């Protein structure tokens, strides 16, 4: 699958196409604007000639009078406030650009002579109330930025990307819509307008410089948030398409490691019933493995896919027949790469991948005495990267299994690494484990109690604690085990911890 498919990314959604057809049918009485002295005779004469010209005649007009075309369009936008007429002008501009991408240059040429940027005339329209007007302006901006000879930069690009993020994040768009007087639109219409915004982003991310700017603007978190929000398959496709585009840049493949993209896509792959969604996920996975320049990065992505059961999904997909050769090729490529990674997979690689995915489960490594004896010290690598993830999960996860496994692993780490207690305390892990001693889930309480026992340096695993976990006797028996809670400072102010009251 190549990047050329992105050229048509901004094809209008049904609601945009239907509204545009309606707008085109309502011809504007330019003569009335001329008589009202709202437009010049020059602009009136040009627009009347241009709007009725055929495709070949339009091209001839633009070749000869490109400057006048841009000038007339922008003058009409500036001097006419009637929404229906503004919609007509924007639709005419969009149609003109869509017919021939090179026509964006008439706006760049005009902007250069007036010492402006081509998109500066359209950015203010993103604040208008009418949704069709807003989204037509957004489409024109994307086309100018993606197809033009100059790059959008600085505050203009930040403004446009922030607008896109806001629209994608809101999922509820307000303005004039199908229900006059209410100021709201139906969920179906809202979804289609969001798809239009996603189409603008797809078009922008065809340009390498914009990919870096999008990541810098925290755009990847925006994409993953949309994907985790159970959006429709079309928006899923568009957002994953954006991930695929980002992964064409080797440097961005390095940065995408931070965003847990693989778990998000693997979840969708498991549930996907649309071939186009499956195809774009496989293409994105292939880019992550193929475009990454660092071997460590490729290995990390491969391990994440293995951890998220992608290999099993690929084996199931390989049993099916596809008309699209890209799918077959990508499945073959991914099976080979992941198969190679499985052979090289160590128990620590498996543990590291599982931890980075944030999806801890009771896999064999957690209960392996040999694993912890050999690998506890390795949790200190890269400035305690894995330990920081572990303590972070104790703080933010709401999954009882994840919390229970994380508490267990903290206990095993301090049991097998002599200076582990001090490290965990400095990372705030000690307090986090203590916070879960009264968790509503019995397994969480049980593992938190055992971890506290190891943090406090009590030898052995008190059977009494195991029996008592989950009952009111837990606190009493924990106290009776003579754990020296005051033997090691818990709080940063040096005060000691007292056993909790039951």
Protein backbone atom coordinates (compact mmCIF):
# COMPACT_ATOMS: atom_id res chain seq x y z
CA UNK A 1 0.00 0.00 0.00
CA UNK A 2 1.48 3.35 -1.02
CA UNK A 3 0.90 6.92 0.03
CA UNK A 4 -0.92 7.88 -3.15
CA UNK A 5 -4.21 6.79 -1.58
CA UNK A 6 -4.00 9.86 0.62
CA UNK A 7 -4.61 12.14 -2.36
CA UNK A 8 -8.35 11.52 -2.14
CA UNK A 9 -8.44 11.73 1.65
CA UNK A 10 -10.45 14.95 1.63
CA UNK A 11 -13.27 13.62 -0.55
CA UNK A 12 -16.42 15.17 0.93
CA UNK A 13 -18.59 13.14 3.24
CA UNK A 14 -22.24 12.60 2.33
CA UNK A 15 -23.53 15.59 4.27
CA UNK A 16 -20.91 17.92 2.75
CA UNK A 17 -21.52 16.58 -0.77
CA UNK A 18 -25.29 16.91 -0.44
CA UNK A 19 -25.08 20.44 0.93
CA UNK A 20 -22.54 21.44 -1.75
CA UNK A 21 -24.90 20.20 -4.50
CA UNK A 22 -27.70 22.26 -2.96
CA UNK A 23 -25.47 25.34 -2.76
CA UNK A 24 -24.36 25.02 -6.41
CA UNK A 25 -27.99 24.87 -7.54
CA UNK A 26 -28.82 28.20 -5.88
CA UNK A 27 -27.24 30.69 -8.28
CA UNK A 28 -26.32 34.07 -6.84
CA UNK A 29 -27.77 37.29 -8.23
CA UNK A 30 -24.46 39.12 -8.59
CA UNK A 31 -26.14 42.08 -10.30
CA UNK A 32 -28.03 42.92 -7.11
CA UNK A 33 -24.73 43.07 -5.17
CA UNK A 34 -23.31 45.36 -7.88
CA UNK A 35 -26.34 47.65 -7.73
CA UNK A 36 -26.02 47.76 -3.95
CA UNK A 37 -22.40 48.78 -4.40
CA UNK A 38 -21.22 45.79 -2.35
CA UNK A 39 -18.96 44.50 -5.14
CA UNK A 40 -17.06 46.14 -7.99
CA UNK A 41 -18.06 45.89 -11.64
CA UNK A 42 -14.74 44.16 -12.30
CA UNK A 43 -15.46 41.41 -9.77
CA UNK A 44 -19.06 41.12 -10.92
CA UNK A 45 -18.07 40.69 -14.54
CA UNK A 46 -15.39 38.09 -13.73
CA UNK A 47 -17.49 35.90 -11.42
CA UNK A 48 -20.43 35.84 -13.85
CA UNK A 49 -18.09 34.71 -16.63
CA UNK A 50 -16.22 32.17 -14.51
CA UNK A 51 -19.16 30.37 -12.91
CA UNK A 52 -20.78 29.44 -16.25
CA UNK A 53 -17.54 28.42 -18.01
CA UNK A 54 -16.88 24.77 -18.84
CA UNK A 55 -13.84 22.90 -17.58
CA UNK A 56 -11.57 23.78 -20.52
CA UNK A 57 -12.74 27.39 -20.60
CA UNK A 58 -12.13 27.72 -16.85
CA UNK A 59 -8.58 26.49 -17.29
CA UNK A 60 -8.02 29.04 -20.06
CA UNK A 61 -9.42 31.82 -17.87
CA UNK A 62 -7.22 30.80 -14.93
CA UNK A 63 -4.13 30.61 -17.13
CA UNK A 64 -4.74 34.10 -18.44
CA UNK A 65 -6.40 35.76 -15.43
CA UNK A 66 -5.23 33.80 -12.38
CA UNK A 67 -4.50 36.95 -10.39
CA UNK A 68 -7.95 38.37 -11.10
CA UNK A 69 -9.59 35.07 -10.13
CA UNK A 70 -7.95 35.00 -6.70
CA UNK A 71 -8.63 38.70 -6.22
CA UNK A 72 -12.33 38.34 -7.11
CA UNK A 73 -12.86 35.30 -4.87
CA UNK A 74 -11.24 36.98 -1.89
CA UNK A 75 -12.97 40.33 -2.49
CA UNK A 76 -16.36 38.61 -2.58
CA UNK A 77 -15.57 36.75 0.65
CA UNK A 78 -14.52 40.00 2.32
CA UNK A 79 -17.46 42.19 1.25
CA UNK A 80 -20.44 39.82 1.37
CA UNK A 81 -21.80 38.63 4.70
CA UNK A 82 -24.86 36.64 3.60
CA UNK A 83 -24.16 33.04 4.63
CA UNK A 84 -25.71 31.44 1.55
CA UNK A 85 -23.52 33.52 -0.77
CA UNK A 86 -20.37 32.82 1.27
CA UNK A 87 -21.17 29.11 1.03
CA UNK A 88 -21.48 29.45 -2.75
CA UNK A 89 -18.11 31.22 -3.04
CA UNK A 90 -16.33 28.61 -0.90
CA UNK A 91 -17.90 25.77 -2.86
CA UNK A 92 -16.78 27.35 -6.12
CA UNK A 93 -13.22 27.74 -4.78
CA UNK A 94 -13.16 24.15 -3.52
CA UNK A 95 -14.42 22.80 -6.84
CA UNK A 96 -11.81 24.84 -8.69
CA UNK A 97 -8.95 23.44 -6.57
CA UNK A 98 -10.26 19.87 -6.66
CA UNK A 99 -10.32 19.87 -10.50
CA UNK A 100 -6.62 20.74 -10.67
CA UNK A 101 -4.32 20.78 -7.65
CA UNK A 102 -1.93 23.21 -9.35
CA UNK A 103 -4.57 25.92 -9.16
CA UNK A 104 -3.68 26.55 -5.51
CA UNK A 105 -0.82 28.61 -6.92
CA UNK A 106 -3.15 31.44 -7.98
CA UNK A 107 -3.79 32.08 -4.28
CA UNK A 108 -0.08 31.85 -3.43
CA UNK A 109 0.79 34.29 -6.21
CA UNK A 110 -1.89 36.73 -5.08
CA UNK A 111 -0.91 36.41 -1.40
CA UNK A 112 2.74 37.11 -2.24
CA UNK A 113 1.82 40.35 -3.99
CA UNK A 114 -0.37 41.44 -1.08
CA UNK A 115 2.25 40.27 1.49
CA UNK A 116 -0.07 37.72 3.09
CA UNK A 117 -0.20 33.94 3.27
CA UNK A 118 -2.60 31.98 1.08
CA UNK A 119 -4.52 30.53 4.05
CA UNK A 120 -4.72 33.77 6.05
CA UNK A 121 -7.92 34.66 4.17
CA UNK A 122 -9.61 31.41 5.24
CA UNK A 123 -8.41 30.76 8.81
CA UNK A 124 -10.81 33.35 10.36
CA UNK A 125 -13.72 31.44 8.83
CA UNK A 126 -13.08 28.56 11.22
CA UNK A 127 -14.77 30.71 13.88
CA UNK A 128 -18.05 31.15 11.99
CA UNK A 129 -21.25 29.55 13.23
CA UNK A 130 -22.40 27.75 10.09
CA UNK A 131 -20.92 24.25 10.00
CA UNK A 132 -20.89 23.92 6.23
CA UNK A 133 -19.04 27.22 5.87
CA UNK A 134 -16.55 26.25 8.55
CA UNK A 135 -15.79 22.85 7.11
CA UNK A 136 -15.53 24.05 3.53
CA UNK A 137 -13.00 26.64 4.70
CA UNK A 138 -11.12 23.90 6.57
CA UNK A 139 -10.97 21.76 3.42
CA UNK A 140 -9.65 24.66 1.36
CA UNK A 141 -6.97 25.41 3.98
CA UNK A 142 -5.85 21.76 3.94
CA UNK A 143 -5.60 21.76 0.15
CA UNK A 144 -3.63 24.99 0.08
CA UNK A 145 -1.25 23.70 2.77
CA UNK A 146 -0.80 20.24 1.24
CA UNK A 147 -0.67 21.13 -2.44
CA UNK A 148 0.93 24.57 -2.34
CA UNK A 149 4.56 25.46 -2.90
CA UNK A 150 4.90 27.10 0.53
CA UNK A 151 4.53 25.34 3.87
CA UNK A 152 2.14 26.53 6.54
CA UNK A 153 4.23 27.39 9.58
CA UNK A 154 4.27 29.06 12.98
CA UNK A 155 1.10 30.42 14.54
CA UNK A 156 -1.04 29.64 11.48
CA UNK A 157 -0.15 25.94 11.60
CA UNK A 158 -0.56 25.79 15.39
CA UNK A 159 -3.96 27.44 15.10
CA UNK A 160 -5.15 25.05 12.39
CA UNK A 161 -3.88 21.93 14.16
CA UNK A 162 -5.44 23.05 17.45
CA UNK A 163 -8.73 23.55 15.65
CA UNK A 164 -8.51 20.02 14.20
CA UNK A 165 -7.71 18.54 17.63
CA UNK A 166 -10.63 20.37 19.21
CA UNK A 167 -13.04 19.12 16.55
CA UNK A 168 -11.82 15.53 16.78
CA UNK A 169 -11.90 15.55 20.57
CA UNK A 170 -15.33 17.11 20.97
CA UNK A 171 -17.34 14.54 18.99
CA UNK A 172 -20.30 16.89 19.54
CA UNK A 173 -20.44 19.75 17.12
CA UNK A 174 -22.79 22.68 17.58
CA UNK A 175 -24.03 25.19 15.07
CA UNK A 176 -26.81 25.48 12.51
CA UNK A 177 -28.02 22.09 11.42
CA UNK A 178 -30.94 19.90 10.58
CA UNK A 179 -33.04 21.22 13.42
CA UNK A 180 -33.52 24.97 12.91
CA UNK A 181 -33.70 26.96 16.08
CA UNK A 182 -32.10 24.30 18.26
CA UNK A 183 -28.47 25.10 17.40
CA UNK A 184 -27.65 21.39 17.36
CA UNK A 185 -27.26 18.71 14.73
CA UNK A 186 -28.04 15.01 14.73
CA UNK A 187 -25.39 12.47 15.82
CA UNK A 188 -25.22 11.19 12.22
CA UNK A 189 -24.49 14.66 10.85
CA UNK A 190 -22.02 15.35 13.65
CA UNK A 191 -20.17 12.13 12.79
CA UNK A 192 -19.92 13.12 9.12
CA UNK A 193 -18.56 16.57 9.96
CA UNK A 194 -15.92 14.94 12.19
CA UNK A 195 -15.02 12.68 9.27
CA UNK A 196 -14.53 15.82 7.17
CA UNK A 197 -12.09 17.14 9.80
CA UNK A 198 -10.27 13.80 9.79
CA UNK A 199 -10.04 14.05 5.99
CA UNK A 200 -8.30 17.42 6.35
CA UNK A 201 -5.76 15.84 8.72
CA UNK A 202 -5.18 12.94 6.33
CA UNK A 203 -4.40 15.43 3.58
CA UNK A 204 -2.05 17.46 5.78
CA UNK A 205 -0.08 14.43 6.98
CA UNK A 206 0.90 13.55 3.41
CA UNK A 207 3.54 16.25 3.92
CA UNK A 208 6.49 15.10 6.04
CA UNK A 209 6.99 18.48 7.76
CA UNK A 210 3.39 18.51 8.93
CA UNK A 211 3.78 15.03 10.44
CA UNK A 212 6.49 16.30 12.77
CA UNK A 213 4.42 19.36 13.64
CA UNK A 214 1.38 17.19 14.43
CA UNK A 215 3.37 14.95 16.79
CA UNK A 216 4.92 18.04 18.40
CA UNK A 217 1.40 19.41 18.97
CA UNK A 218 0.48 16.23 20.92
CA UNK A 219 -1.62 15.08 18.00
CA UNK A 220 -0.91 11.38 18.55
CA UNK A 221 -2.68 11.45 21.91
CA UNK A 222 -5.64 13.04 20.14
CA UNK A 223 -5.71 10.17 17.61
CA UNK A 224 -5.48 7.43 20.26
CA UNK A 225 -8.20 9.15 22.32
CA UNK A 226 -10.55 9.09 19.32
CA UNK A 227 -9.75 5.43 18.66
CA UNK A 228 -10.43 4.49 22.29
CA UNK A 229 -13.78 6.27 22.16
CA UNK A 230 -15.54 3.50 20.18
CA UNK A 231 -15.95 5.69 17.08
CA UNK A 232 -17.52 4.38 13.88
CA UNK A 233 -15.50 2.31 11.42
CA UNK A 234 -15.05 5.20 8.96
CA UNK A 235 -13.46 7.46 11.57
CA UNK A 236 -11.42 4.49 12.81
CA UNK A 237 -10.10 4.03 9.29
CA UNK A 238 -9.22 7.70 8.95
CA UNK A 239 -7.42 7.91 12.29
CA UNK A 240 -5.42 4.73 11.62
CA UNK A 241 -4.67 6.11 8.16
CA UNK A 242 -3.04 9.04 9.96
CA UNK A 243 -0.95 6.67 12.09
CA UNK A 244 0.12 4.90 8.89
CA UNK A 245 1.20 8.22 7.40
CA UNK A 246 3.13 9.21 10.53
CA UNK A 247 4.98 5.88 10.46
CA UNK A 248 6.50 6.69 7.07
CA UNK A 249 9.03 8.85 8.93
CA UNK A 250 11.76 6.79 10.67
CA UNK A 251 12.28 9.49 13.30
CA UNK A 252 8.59 9.53 14.14
CA UNK A 253 8.58 5.74 14.48
CA UNK A 254 10.97 6.32 17.38
CA UNK A 255 8.63 8.86 18.97
CA UNK A 256 5.47 6.80 18.44
CA UNK A 257 6.85 4.24 20.90
CA UNK A 258 5.65 6.49 23.73
CA UNK A 259 1.99 6.39 22.78
CA UNK A 260 0.91 2.73 23.06
CA UNK A 261 -0.26 2.77 19.45
CA UNK A 262 0.10 -1.00 19.01
CA UNK A 263 -2.36 -2.00 21.80
CA UNK A 264 -4.95 0.45 20.46
CA UNK A 265 -4.68 -0.88 16.90
CA UNK A 266 -4.58 -4.54 17.96
CA UNK A 267 -7.84 -4.13 19.88
CA UNK A 268 -9.52 -2.73 16.77
CA UNK A 269 -8.00 -5.45 14.57
CA UNK A 270 -9.48 -8.10 16.84
CA UNK A 271 -12.99 -6.67 16.49
CA UNK A 272 -12.79 -5.34 12.92
CA UNK A 273 -15.40 -6.54 10.43
CA UNK A 274 -14.47 -4.04 7.70
CA UNK A 275 -11.76 -5.09 5.27
CA UNK A 276 -10.60 -1.49 4.75
CA UNK A 277 -9.98 -1.11 8.50
CA UNK A 278 -8.08 -4.41 8.63
CA UNK A 279 -6.02 -3.37 5.62
CA UNK A 280 -4.95 -0.02 7.07
CA UNK A 281 -4.06 -1.56 10.46
CA UNK A 282 -1.83 -4.15 8.79
CA UNK A 283 -0.23 -1.41 6.68
CA UNK A 284 0.41 0.69 9.81
CA UNK A 285 1.96 -2.30 11.62
CA UNK A 286 4.17 -2.96 8.60
CA UNK A 287 5.37 0.64 8.51
CA UNK A 288 6.25 0.54 12.22
CA UNK A 289 8.41 -2.54 11.65
CA UNK A 290 9.78 -1.61 8.23
CA UNK A 291 10.41 2.14 8.45
CA UNK A 292 12.00 2.19 11.92
CA UNK A 293 15.73 2.75 11.49
CA UNK A 294 16.79 1.42 14.91
CA UNK A 295 16.84 -2.34 15.52
CA UNK A 296 15.79 -1.79 19.14
CA UNK A 297 12.71 0.12 18.00
CA UNK A 298 11.71 -2.57 15.52
CA UNK A 299 12.14 -5.21 18.20
CA UNK A 300 10.06 -3.23 20.68
CA UNK A 301 7.21 -2.89 18.19
CA UNK A 302 7.40 -6.58 17.35
CA UNK A 303 7.30 -7.54 21.03
CA UNK A 304 4.34 -5.22 21.61
CA UNK A 305 2.46 -6.91 18.77
CA UNK A 306 3.27 -10.35 20.16
CA UNK A 307 2.17 -9.25 23.62
CA UNK A 308 -1.13 -7.98 22.17
CA UNK A 309 -1.81 -11.33 20.47
CA UNK A 310 -1.38 -9.91 16.96
CA UNK A 311 0.45 -13.06 15.83
CA UNK A 312 -2.63 -15.17 16.55
CA UNK A 313 -4.85 -12.69 14.72
CA UNK A 314 -2.50 -12.78 11.71
CA UNK A 315 -2.67 -16.58 11.63
CA UNK A 316 -6.46 -16.38 11.53
CA UNK A 317 -6.40 -13.71 8.81
CA UNK A 318 -3.97 -15.81 6.78
CA UNK A 319 -6.65 -18.48 6.43
CA UNK A 320 -8.90 -16.09 4.50
CA UNK A 321 -8.79 -15.04 0.86
CA UNK A 322 -8.52 -11.39 -0.19
CA UNK A 323 -8.90 -9.64 -3.52
CA UNK A 324 -6.53 -6.93 -2.29
CA UNK A 325 -2.94 -8.12 -2.73
CA UNK A 326 -1.72 -5.52 -0.22
CA UNK A 327 -3.47 -7.39 2.59
CA UNK A 328 -1.94 -10.72 1.60
CA UNK A 329 1.54 -9.20 1.28
CA UNK A 330 1.30 -7.40 4.62
CA UNK A 331 0.08 -10.52 6.43
CA UNK A 332 3.00 -12.51 5.01
CA UNK A 333 5.49 -9.80 5.95
CA UNK A 334 4.16 -9.46 9.51
CA UNK A 335 4.02 -13.22 10.10
CA UNK A 336 7.68 -13.54 9.07
CA UNK A 337 8.86 -10.62 11.19
CA UNK A 338 6.89 -11.57 14.29
CA UNK A 339 7.87 -15.23 13.86
CA UNK A 340 11.54 -14.22 13.92
CA UNK A 341 10.98 -12.09 17.01
CA UNK A 342 9.26 -14.93 18.87
CA UNK A 343 12.33 -17.10 18.39
CA UNK A 344 14.56 -14.40 19.88
CA UNK A 345 12.13 -13.57 22.69
CA UNK A 346 13.62 -13.77 26.19
CA UNK A 347 11.55 -13.84 29.37
CA UNK A 348 12.72 -10.30 30.16
CA UNK A 349 11.68 -9.09 26.70
CA UNK A 350 8.28 -10.61 27.30
CA UNK A 351 7.99 -8.95 30.70
CA UNK A 352 9.19 -5.58 29.40
CA UNK A 353 6.72 -5.63 26.51
CA UNK A 354 3.82 -6.59 28.75
CA UNK A 355 4.66 -3.84 31.23
CA UNK A 356 4.99 -1.16 28.54
CA UNK A 357 1.60 -2.17 27.11
CA UNK A 358 0.03 -1.38 30.49
CA UNK A 359 -1.91 -4.66 30.31
CA UNK A 360 -0.47 -6.75 33.10
CA UNK A 361 -1.80 -10.28 33.54
CA UNK A 362 -0.67 -13.32 35.47
CA UNK A 363 1.71 -14.57 32.78
CA UNK A 364 4.35 -17.11 33.94
CA UNK A 365 7.20 -14.60 34.35
CA UNK A 366 5.50 -12.85 37.29
CA UNK A 367 5.47 -16.04 39.39
CA UNK A 368 8.89 -17.30 38.28
CA UNK A 369 11.48 -17.30 41.06
CA UNK A 370 14.20 -17.79 38.44
CA UNK A 371 12.99 -14.77 36.45
CA UNK A 372 13.12 -12.40 39.42
CA UNK A 373 16.44 -13.77 40.66
CA UNK A 374 18.04 -13.14 37.26
CA UNK A 375 16.23 -9.99 36.17
CA UNK A 376 15.18 -7.89 39.19
CA UNK A 377 18.23 -5.65 38.80
CA UNK A 378 17.38 -5.05 35.13
CA UNK A 379 14.33 -3.04 36.17
CA UNK A 380 16.87 -0.32 37.06
CA UNK A 381 17.98 0.05 33.43
CA UNK A 382 17.41 3.27 31.45
CA UNK A 383 17.01 5.35 34.61
CA UNK A 384 14.46 2.97 36.18
CA UNK A 385 12.19 3.14 33.10
CA UNK A 386 10.27 -0.07 33.87
CA UNK A 387 9.94 0.68 37.57
CA UNK A 388 8.48 4.09 36.77
CA UNK A 389 5.91 2.41 34.54
CA UNK A 390 5.13 -0.09 37.29
CA UNK A 391 4.53 2.59 39.93
CA UNK A 392 2.55 4.65 37.42
CA UNK A 393 0.19 1.71 36.88
CA UNK A 394 -0.34 1.48 40.64
CA UNK A 395 -1.36 5.12 40.58
CA UNK A 396 -3.60 5.40 37.51
CA UNK A 397 -4.95 1.96 36.61
CA UNK A 398 -8.52 1.09 37.50
CA UNK A 399 -8.16 -2.57 36.49
CA UNK A 400 -7.93 -4.76 39.63
CA UNK A 401 -5.82 -7.38 37.84
CA UNK A 402 -3.29 -4.79 36.67
CA UNK A 403 -3.05 -3.31 40.18
CA UNK A 404 -2.69 -6.75 41.80
CA UNK A 405 0.08 -7.83 39.40
CA UNK A 406 1.87 -4.49 39.76
CA UNK A 407 1.81 -4.74 43.57
CA UNK A 408 3.11 -8.31 43.36
CA UNK A 409 5.96 -7.24 41.06
CA UNK A 410 6.97 -4.41 43.39
CA UNK A 411 7.23 -6.95 46.20
CA UNK A 412 9.30 -9.35 44.09
CA UNK A 413 11.62 -6.55 42.99
CA UNK A 414 12.44 -5.47 46.55
CA UNK A 415 12.79 -9.08 47.65
CA UNK A 416 15.41 -9.81 45.00
CA UNK A 417 17.22 -6.49 44.76
CA UNK A 418 18.95 -5.44 48.02
CA UNK A 419 18.55 -1.69 47.53
CA UNK A 420 15.08 -2.04 46.04
CA UNK A 421 13.21 -0.67 49.05
CA UNK A 422 14.93 2.70 48.84
CA UNK A 423 14.40 2.90 45.05
CA UNK A 424 10.69 2.11 45.34
CA UNK A 425 10.28 4.64 48.14
CA UNK A 426 12.01 7.36 46.09
CA UNK A 427 9.66 6.63 43.20
CA UNK A 428 6.63 6.91 45.48
CA UNK A 429 5.79 3.23 45.07
CA UNK A 430 5.70 2.46 48.77
CA UNK A 431 2.82 4.82 49.45
CA UNK A 432 0.99 3.67 46.34
CA UNK A 433 1.14 0.04 47.48
CA UNK A 434 -0.07 1.05 50.96
CA UNK A 435 -3.02 2.86 49.36
CA UNK A 436 -4.26 -0.44 47.93
CA UNK A 437 -4.27 -2.32 51.25
CA UNK A 438 -7.95 -1.45 51.61
CA UNK A 439 -8.91 -1.89 47.96
CA UNK A 440 -12.36 -3.34 47.34
CA UNK A 441 -10.89 -6.23 45.34
CA UNK A 442 -9.66 -9.12 47.48
CA UNK A 443 -6.80 -10.07 45.15
CA UNK A 444 -5.54 -6.48 45.15
CA UNK A 445 -5.61 -6.37 48.97
CA UNK A 446 -3.83 -9.70 49.17
CA UNK A 447 -0.95 -8.68 46.87
CA UNK A 448 -0.69 -5.21 48.41
CA UNK A 449 -0.36 -6.76 51.91
CA UNK A 450 2.35 -9.15 50.73
CA UNK A 451 4.19 -6.33 48.96
CA UNK A 452 4.08 -4.18 52.10
CA UNK A 453 5.46 -7.11 54.06
CA UNK A 454 8.44 -7.33 51.67
CA UNK A 455 8.90 -3.55 51.65
CA UNK A 456 9.19 -3.58 55.43
CA UNK A 457 11.76 -6.34 55.37
CA UNK A 458 9.81 -9.04 57.20
CA UNK A 459 11.20 -12.51 56.33
CA UNK A 460 8.90 -15.06 54.77
CA UNK A 461 5.30 -14.67 53.64
CA UNK A 462 3.03 -14.78 56.64
CA UNK A 463 0.39 -17.42 56.08
CA UNK A 464 -1.81 -15.46 58.43
CA UNK A 465 -1.77 -12.53 56.04
CA UNK A 466 -2.77 -14.77 53.15
CA UNK A 467 -5.65 -16.24 55.12
CA UNK A 468 -6.74 -12.87 56.41
CA UNK A 469 -6.61 -10.96 53.10
CA UNK A 470 -10.11 -9.87 52.24
CA UNK A 471 -11.43 -9.90 55.83
CA UNK A 472 -11.42 -7.43 58.68
CA UNK A 473 -8.84 -9.68 60.35
CA UNK A 474 -6.28 -8.62 57.72
CA UNK A 475 -5.19 -5.48 59.53
CA UNK A 476 -5.10 -7.15 62.93
CA UNK A 477 -3.04 -10.09 61.72
CA UNK A 478 -0.74 -7.76 59.79
CA UNK A 479 -0.06 -5.90 63.02
CA UNK A 480 0.46 -9.13 64.94
CA UNK A 481 3.07 -10.23 62.41
CA UNK A 482 5.25 -7.57 64.04
CA UNK A 483 5.95 -5.67 60.86
CA UNK A 484 8.23 -2.78 61.66
CA UNK A 485 6.32 -0.06 59.87
CA UNK A 486 8.38 2.56 61.69
CA UNK A 487 11.72 0.94 60.80
CA UNK A 488 11.91 2.87 57.53
CA UNK A 489 10.61 6.39 56.86
CA UNK A 490 7.65 6.45 54.51
CA UNK A 491 6.88 10.10 54.06
CA UNK A 492 9.22 12.71 52.63
CA UNK A 493 8.99 14.67 55.89
CA UNK A 494 10.58 11.78 57.74
CA UNK A 495 7.54 10.76 59.81
CA UNK A 496 6.97 7.05 60.24
CA UNK A 497 3.91 5.04 59.26
CA UNK A 498 1.60 3.45 61.77
CA UNK A 499 -0.27 0.25 61.05
CA UNK A 500 -3.76 1.09 59.80
CA UNK A 501 -6.66 0.93 62.15
CA UNK A 502 -9.28 -1.64 61.28
